[in-house]
């Protein structure tokens, strides 16, 4: 309450705030994080460009977002590039973590898509 935005670092998805007492705090807003993941990592502008699932996975794991969103966001796109995803996730533990968070009952797209900021076409 009463804090001011000092700057944003879009490539790292952090927002730096100055609190009323002068101390600086860093937060990672869900809107900024999910918008970056959807627009820059999963949705590729060029058909020959592959999605960067490794970076998306790392950001979601680091910020404790449900990894099921990687599939739920665009299921057909994900299944078409499943080989790319498996190659990107080198660690067996990370792959097991992703598989354990897959859930048929819970669709995270409806839960998290409200946080994705819409970009206006240029």
C-alpha atoms as a PDB file:
ATOM      1  CA  UNK A   1       0.000   0.000   0.000  1.00  0.00           C
ATOM      2  CA  UNK A   2       1.438   3.341  -1.016  1.00  0.00           C
ATOM      3  CA  UNK A   3       4.300   1.816  -2.989  1.00  0.00           C
ATOM      4  CA  UNK A   4       5.553   3.213  -6.282  1.00  0.00           C
ATOM      5  CA  UNK A   5       6.657   1.349  -9.375  1.00  0.00           C
ATOM      6  CA  UNK A   6      10.344   2.033  -9.966  1.00  0.00           C
ATOM      7  CA  UNK A   7      10.829  -0.097 -13.087  1.00  0.00           C
ATOM      8  CA  UNK A   8       9.906  -3.308 -14.834  1.00  0.00           C
ATOM      9  CA  UNK A   9      12.260  -5.837 -16.328  1.00  0.00           C
ATOM     10  CA  UNK A  10      10.194  -7.531 -19.030  1.00  0.00           C
ATOM     11  CA  UNK A  11      12.816 -10.146 -19.978  1.00  0.00           C
ATOM     12  CA  UNK A  12      12.940 -11.304 -16.374  1.00  0.00           C
ATOM     13  CA  UNK A  13       9.245 -10.532 -15.655  1.00  0.00           C
ATOM     14  CA  UNK A  14       9.934  -8.651 -12.464  1.00  0.00           C
ATOM     15  CA  UNK A  15       8.487  -5.451 -11.120  1.00  0.00           C
ATOM     16  CA  UNK A  16      10.537  -3.333  -8.727  1.00  0.00           C
ATOM     17  CA  UNK A  17       8.567  -1.298  -6.197  1.00  0.00           C
ATOM     18  CA  UNK A  18       9.691   1.375  -3.756  1.00  0.00           C
ATOM     19  CA  UNK A  19       7.866   1.101  -0.470  1.00  0.00           C
ATOM     20  CA  UNK A  20       6.801   4.166   1.580  1.00  0.00           C
ATOM     21  CA  UNK A  21       9.801   3.747   3.878  1.00  0.00           C
ATOM     22  CA  UNK A  22      12.193   3.739   0.929  1.00  0.00           C
ATOM     23  CA  UNK A  23      13.083   0.061   0.697  1.00  0.00           C
ATOM     24  CA  UNK A  24      12.927  -1.675  -2.687  1.00  0.00           C
ATOM     25  CA  UNK A  25      10.909  -4.851  -3.227  1.00  0.00           C
ATOM     26  CA  UNK A  26      10.882  -7.134  -6.253  1.00  0.00           C
ATOM     27  CA  UNK A  27       7.747  -8.998  -7.231  1.00  0.00           C
ATOM     28  CA  UNK A  28       6.843 -11.229 -10.161  1.00  0.00           C
ATOM     29  CA  UNK A  29       3.260 -10.338 -11.185  1.00  0.00           C
ATOM     30  CA  UNK A  30       1.302 -13.262 -12.581  1.00  0.00           C
ATOM     31  CA  UNK A  31      -0.062 -11.110 -15.428  1.00  0.00           C
ATOM     32  CA  UNK A  32       3.409 -10.179 -16.652  1.00  0.00           C
ATOM     33  CA  UNK A  33       4.706 -13.733 -16.296  1.00  0.00           C
ATOM     34  CA  UNK A  34       1.836 -15.482 -18.101  1.00  0.00           C
ATOM     35  CA  UNK A  35       1.708 -12.860 -20.862  1.00  0.00           C
ATOM     36  CA  UNK A  36       5.423 -13.353 -21.500  1.00  0.00           C
ATOM     37  CA  UNK A  37       5.112 -17.146 -21.489  1.00  0.00           C
ATOM     38  CA  UNK A  38       2.131 -17.191 -23.852  1.00  0.00           C
ATOM     39  CA  UNK A  39       3.229 -14.495 -26.298  1.00  0.00           C
ATOM     40  CA  UNK A  40       6.999 -14.966 -26.445  1.00  0.00           C
ATOM     41  CA  UNK A  41       7.658 -18.593 -25.607  1.00  0.00           C
ATOM     42  CA  UNK A  42       4.677 -20.701 -26.674  1.00  0.00           C
ATOM     43  CA  UNK A  43       3.082 -18.640 -29.470  1.00  0.00           C
ATOM     44  CA  UNK A  44       5.719 -18.358 -32.146  1.00  0.00           C
ATOM     45  CA  UNK A  45       5.355 -15.777 -34.918  1.00  0.00           C
ATOM     46  CA  UNK A  46       7.333 -17.791 -37.418  1.00  0.00           C
ATOM     47  CA  UNK A  47       6.087 -21.281 -38.390  1.00  0.00           C
ATOM     48  CA  UNK A  48       9.665 -22.604 -38.552  1.00  0.00           C
ATOM     49  CA  UNK A  49      10.413 -21.318 -35.055  1.00  0.00           C
ATOM     50  CA  UNK A  50       9.836 -23.854 -32.281  1.00  0.00           C
ATOM     51  CA  UNK A  51       8.268 -22.912 -28.948  1.00  0.00           C
ATOM     52  CA  UNK A  52      10.734 -22.369 -26.116  1.00  0.00           C
ATOM     53  CA  UNK A  53       9.235 -24.876 -23.696  1.00  0.00           C
ATOM     54  CA  UNK A  54      12.415 -25.052 -21.634  1.00  0.00           C
ATOM     55  CA  UNK A  55      12.256 -21.369 -20.627  1.00  0.00           C
ATOM     56  CA  UNK A  56       8.474 -21.549 -20.133  1.00  0.00           C
ATOM     57  CA  UNK A  57       8.843 -24.618 -17.913  1.00  0.00           C
ATOM     58  CA  UNK A  58      11.613 -23.010 -15.840  1.00  0.00           C
ATOM     59  CA  UNK A  59       9.617 -19.810 -15.294  1.00  0.00           C
ATOM     60  CA  UNK A  60       6.460 -21.677 -14.332  1.00  0.00           C
ATOM     61  CA  UNK A  61       8.310 -23.993 -11.946  1.00  0.00           C
ATOM     62  CA  UNK A  62      10.251 -21.121 -10.353  1.00  0.00           C
ATOM     63  CA  UNK A  63       7.063 -19.097  -9.784  1.00  0.00           C
ATOM     64  CA  UNK A  64       4.985 -22.085  -8.661  1.00  0.00           C
ATOM     65  CA  UNK A  65       2.459 -21.959 -11.468  1.00  0.00           C
ATOM     66  CA  UNK A  66       0.626 -25.134 -12.396  1.00  0.00           C
ATOM     67  CA  UNK A  67       2.600 -26.813 -15.184  1.00  0.00           C
ATOM     68  CA  UNK A  68      -0.636 -28.241 -16.576  1.00  0.00           C
ATOM     69  CA  UNK A  69      -1.081 -24.823 -18.233  1.00  0.00           C
ATOM     70  CA  UNK A  70       1.640 -25.701 -20.769  1.00  0.00           C
ATOM     71  CA  UNK A  71      -0.708 -28.344 -22.140  1.00  0.00           C
ATOM     72  CA  UNK A  72      -4.059 -26.669 -21.434  1.00  0.00           C
ATOM     73  CA  UNK A  73      -3.151 -23.388 -23.142  1.00  0.00           C
ATOM     74  CA  UNK A  74      -3.088 -24.943 -26.640  1.00  0.00           C
ATOM     75  CA  UNK A  75      -3.466 -28.737 -26.450  1.00  0.00           C
ATOM     76  CA  UNK A  76      -3.209 -29.437 -30.191  1.00  0.00           C
ATOM     77  CA  UNK A  77      -0.142 -27.197 -30.522  1.00  0.00           C
ATOM     78  CA  UNK A  78       1.455 -28.913 -27.518  1.00  0.00           C
ATOM     79  CA  UNK A  79       0.817 -32.424 -28.875  1.00  0.00           C
ATOM     80  CA  UNK A  80       2.197 -31.426 -32.284  1.00  0.00           C
ATOM     81  CA  UNK A  81       5.433 -30.271 -30.657  1.00  0.00           C
ATOM     82  CA  UNK A  82       5.711 -32.921 -27.919  1.00  0.00           C
ATOM     83  CA  UNK A  83       9.136 -34.025 -29.220  1.00  0.00           C
ATOM     84  CA  UNK A  84      10.404 -30.455 -28.829  1.00  0.00           C
ATOM     85  CA  UNK A  85       9.076 -30.357 -25.267  1.00  0.00           C
ATOM     86  CA  UNK A  86      10.722 -33.655 -24.277  1.00  0.00           C
ATOM     87  CA  UNK A  87      14.047 -32.589 -25.830  1.00  0.00           C
ATOM     88  CA  UNK A  88      13.873 -29.276 -23.965  1.00  0.00           C
ATOM     89  CA  UNK A  89      13.278 -30.947 -20.591  1.00  0.00           C
ATOM     90  CA  UNK A  90      16.559 -32.793 -20.061  1.00  0.00           C
ATOM     91  CA  UNK A  91      16.068 -33.654 -16.417  1.00  0.00           C
ATOM     92  CA  UNK A  92      14.012 -36.770 -15.648  1.00  0.00           C
ATOM     93  CA  UNK A  93      12.804 -35.218 -12.388  1.00  0.00           C
ATOM     94  CA  UNK A  94      11.386 -32.225 -14.260  1.00  0.00           C
ATOM     95  CA  UNK A  95       9.584 -34.482 -16.703  1.00  0.00           C
ATOM     96  CA  UNK A  96       8.109 -36.491 -13.806  1.00  0.00           C
ATOM     97  CA  UNK A  97       7.050 -33.236 -12.133  1.00  0.00           C
ATOM     98  CA  UNK A  98       5.260 -32.150 -15.311  1.00  0.00           C
ATOM     99  CA  UNK A  99       3.531 -35.519 -15.680  1.00  0.00           C
ATOM    100  CA  UNK A 100       2.433 -35.489 -12.049  1.00  0.00           C
ATOM    101  CA  UNK A 101       0.758 -32.084 -12.509  1.00  0.00           C
ATOM    102  CA  UNK A 102      -1.242 -33.144 -15.568  1.00  0.00           C
ATOM    103  CA  UNK A 103      -4.881 -33.380 -14.605  1.00  0.00           C
ATOM    104  CA  UNK A 104      -7.931 -34.192 -16.742  1.00  0.00           C
ATOM    105  CA  UNK A 105     -10.334 -32.825 -14.175  1.00  0.00           C
ATOM    106  CA  UNK A 106      -8.827 -29.376 -13.794  1.00  0.00           C
ATOM    107  CA  UNK A 107      -8.450 -27.127 -16.829  1.00  0.00           C
ATOM    108  CA  UNK A 108      -5.894 -24.482 -15.875  1.00  0.00           C
ATOM    109  CA  UNK A 109      -6.473 -22.493 -19.061  1.00  0.00           C
ATOM    110  CA  UNK A 110      -9.780 -21.138 -17.764  1.00  0.00           C
ATOM    111  CA  UNK A 111      -8.172 -20.478 -14.401  1.00  0.00           C
ATOM    112  CA  UNK A 112      -5.064 -18.657 -15.662  1.00  0.00           C
ATOM    113  CA  UNK A 113      -6.040 -17.175 -19.044  1.00  0.00           C
ATOM    114  CA  UNK A 114      -7.692 -14.220 -17.295  1.00  0.00           C
ATOM    115  CA  UNK A 115      -4.196 -13.112 -16.264  1.00  0.00           C
ATOM    116  CA  UNK A 116      -2.803 -13.034 -19.813  1.00  0.00           C
ATOM    117  CA  UNK A 117      -2.772  -9.456 -21.076  1.00  0.00           C
ATOM    118  CA  UNK A 118      -4.176  -9.007 -24.542  1.00  0.00           C
ATOM    119  CA  UNK A 119      -1.856  -7.447 -27.114  1.00  0.00           C
ATOM    120  CA  UNK A 120      -3.267  -5.166 -29.771  1.00  0.00           C
ATOM    121  CA  UNK A 121      -2.371  -6.136 -33.365  1.00  0.00           C
ATOM    122  CA  UNK A 122       0.010  -3.737 -35.059  1.00  0.00           C
END
